[in-house]
Amino acid sequence: MSLSPRVTFYHAPNSRSGGTRALLEELGADYDLHVLNLKRGEQREAPYLAINPMGKVPAIRHGEALVTEQPAVFIYLADLYPQTGLAPAIGDPLRGPYLRWMVFYGSMFKLVRQRPVIRAYIDRVTSRPAWQRAAAADAALAAGQAE
């Protein structure tokens, strides 16, 4: 079986999976979007629990690979699209610090005091066109789910 870069992305607007949507946009990835409505509890229904028994988003499927948990999804996607240069390659001396910060980010949510350098980084990320596209698309999804 050949693995193409196309992935299936399990997502819910106004959730942590928004970062994955922005990353997919930044990568220029070819993906199928599977939207869950958290207000209706779709993440706790059997079809999605078969994808992620924890009932959380994001999740991605790429070929036979199924990846859950935001940092793992980020790392997998960055490695799947090495031509984008978003992640140091295996063997690169920067790979260790990259992995440390990716896992730290996912496990210490809002525990690091926001300093000007961190705020500036967040502002740079959220001002990128890919982030803006993902945020606008999520706003439309959320509005549709509110009906």
Protein backbone atom coordinates (compact mmCIF):
# COMPACT_ATOMS: atom_id res chain seq x y z
CA MET A 1 0.00 0.00 0.00
CA SER A 2 1.34 3.39 -0.96
CA LEU A 3 1.14 6.19 1.58
CA SER A 4 0.18 9.48 0.00
CA PRO A 5 0.40 12.67 2.02
CA ARG A 6 -3.44 12.90 2.10
CA VAL A 7 -4.80 12.57 5.63
CA THR A 8 -8.22 12.42 7.24
CA PHE A 9 -8.49 15.06 9.93
CA TYR A 10 -11.01 14.66 12.78
CA HIS A 11 -11.83 18.12 14.02
CA ALA A 12 -14.26 20.20 16.04
CA PRO A 13 -14.43 23.98 15.88
CA ASN A 14 -13.56 25.90 19.05
CA SER A 15 -11.34 23.11 20.31
CA ARG A 16 -7.63 22.30 20.53
CA SER A 17 -7.84 20.79 17.07
CA GLY A 18 -7.88 24.33 15.66
CA GLY A 19 -4.09 24.33 15.84
CA THR A 20 -3.98 21.20 13.71
CA ARG A 21 -6.22 22.81 11.12
CA ALA A 22 -3.89 25.81 11.00
CA LEU A 23 -0.89 23.48 10.65
CA LEU A 24 -2.54 21.60 7.78
CA GLU A 25 -3.14 24.95 6.07
CA GLU A 26 0.45 26.04 6.72
CA LEU A 27 1.75 22.79 5.24
CA GLY A 28 -0.47 23.12 2.18
CA ALA A 29 -1.64 19.61 3.05
CA ASP A 30 -4.19 17.67 1.11
CA TYR A 31 -6.72 16.47 3.71
CA ASP A 32 -10.26 15.26 4.20
CA LEU A 33 -12.09 17.03 6.99
CA HIS A 34 -14.33 15.03 9.32
CA VAL A 35 -16.15 17.50 11.58
CA LEU A 36 -17.50 16.53 14.99
CA ASN A 37 -20.15 18.48 16.85
CA LEU A 38 -19.03 18.57 20.47
CA LYS A 39 -22.29 20.18 21.59
CA ARG A 40 -24.15 17.10 20.37
CA GLY A 41 -21.60 14.80 22.01
CA GLU A 42 -20.48 13.20 18.75
CA GLN A 43 -17.01 12.71 20.23
CA ARG A 44 -18.53 10.25 22.72
CA GLU A 45 -20.39 8.17 20.15
CA ALA A 46 -19.15 4.74 19.06
CA PRO A 47 -17.95 5.73 15.56
CA TYR A 48 -15.56 8.35 16.92
CA LEU A 49 -14.58 6.35 20.00
CA ALA A 50 -13.31 3.74 17.52
CA ILE A 51 -10.94 6.48 16.25
CA ASN A 52 -9.98 7.86 19.66
CA PRO A 53 -11.26 6.01 22.75
CA MET A 54 -10.54 9.15 24.80
CA GLY A 55 -13.09 11.04 22.68
CA LYS A 56 -10.76 13.98 22.08
CA VAL A 57 -9.77 15.92 19.00
CA PRO A 58 -7.58 16.27 17.03
CA ALA A 59 -6.99 12.91 15.42
CA ILE A 60 -5.63 12.11 12.00
CA ARG A 61 -5.59 8.99 9.87
CA HIS A 62 -2.89 8.57 7.24
CA GLY A 63 -3.03 5.22 5.49
CA GLU A 64 -3.15 2.69 8.30
CA ALA A 65 -1.60 5.12 10.81
CA LEU A 66 -3.91 6.68 13.36
CA VAL A 67 -2.48 9.52 15.45
CA THR A 68 -4.14 11.25 18.40
CA GLU A 69 -3.02 13.89 20.91
CA GLN A 70 -2.15 17.32 19.61
CA PRO A 71 1.67 17.23 19.99
CA ALA A 72 1.85 13.78 18.38
CA VAL A 73 -0.32 14.99 15.49
CA PHE A 74 1.87 18.08 15.04
CA ILE A 75 5.07 16.01 15.01
CA TYR A 76 3.62 13.42 12.61
CA LEU A 77 2.40 16.06 10.17
CA ALA A 78 5.66 18.02 10.22
CA ASP A 79 7.54 14.78 9.50
CA LEU A 80 5.06 13.82 6.75
CA TYR A 81 5.84 17.08 4.92
CA PRO A 82 9.63 17.40 5.39
CA GLN A 83 9.91 19.70 2.35
CA THR A 84 8.27 22.46 4.40
CA GLY A 85 11.17 22.56 6.84
CA LEU A 86 8.90 22.96 9.88
CA ALA A 87 10.68 20.23 11.87
CA PRO A 88 14.33 19.26 12.18
CA ALA A 89 15.01 15.89 10.56
CA ILE A 90 15.93 12.83 12.59
CA GLY A 91 19.65 13.08 13.23
CA ASP A 92 19.65 16.89 13.22
CA PRO A 93 21.08 18.21 16.53
CA LEU A 94 18.02 20.45 16.84
CA ARG A 95 15.63 17.47 16.79
CA GLY A 96 15.95 16.86 20.55
CA PRO A 97 15.11 20.42 21.62
CA TYR A 98 12.31 20.50 19.04
CA LEU A 99 10.75 17.35 20.49
CA ARG A 100 11.19 18.61 24.05
CA TRP A 101 9.36 21.86 23.29
CA MET A 102 6.61 20.11 21.32
CA VAL A 103 5.87 17.76 24.22
CA PHE A 104 6.28 20.53 26.80
CA TYR A 105 3.76 22.64 24.89
CA GLY A 106 1.21 19.84 24.93
CA SER A 107 1.65 18.87 28.60
CA MET A 108 2.06 22.31 30.40
CA PHE A 109 -1.02 24.18 28.98
CA LYS A 110 -0.93 27.78 30.26
CA LEU A 111 1.53 26.98 33.03
CA VAL A 112 4.28 29.12 31.56
CA ARG A 113 3.92 32.76 32.45
CA GLN A 114 3.26 34.77 29.33
CA ARG A 115 6.25 37.02 28.73
CA PRO A 116 6.67 39.56 25.94
CA VAL A 117 8.76 37.16 23.86
CA ILE A 118 6.07 34.46 24.15
CA ARG A 119 3.29 36.95 23.36
CA ALA A 120 5.25 38.15 20.31
CA TYR A 121 5.62 34.55 19.11
CA ILE A 122 1.88 33.87 19.55
CA ASP A 123 1.07 37.08 17.68
CA ARG A 124 3.37 36.07 14.78
CA VAL A 125 1.75 32.63 14.54
CA THR A 126 -1.83 33.90 14.69
CA SER A 127 -1.16 36.59 12.09
CA ARG A 128 0.01 34.07 9.46
CA PRO A 129 -2.34 33.62 6.47
CA ALA A 130 -2.72 29.89 7.19
CA TRP A 131 -3.85 30.61 10.75
CA GLN A 132 -6.26 33.27 9.51
CA ARG A 133 -7.76 30.87 6.92
CA ALA A 134 -8.19 28.14 9.53
CA ALA A 135 -9.75 30.54 12.05
CA ALA A 136 -12.22 31.89 9.48
CA ALA A 137 -13.18 28.38 8.38
CA ASP A 138 -13.66 27.33 12.01
CA ALA A 139 -15.82 30.36 12.73
CA ALA A 140 -18.08 29.32 9.85
CA LEU A 141 -18.19 25.72 11.13
CA ALA A 142 -19.01 26.88 14.66
CA ALA A 143 -21.78 29.15 13.37
CA GLY A 144 -23.27 26.24 11.42
CA GLN A 145 -23.21 24.03 14.51
CA ALA A 146 -24.94 26.70 16.59
CA GLU A 147 -28.08 26.44 14.47
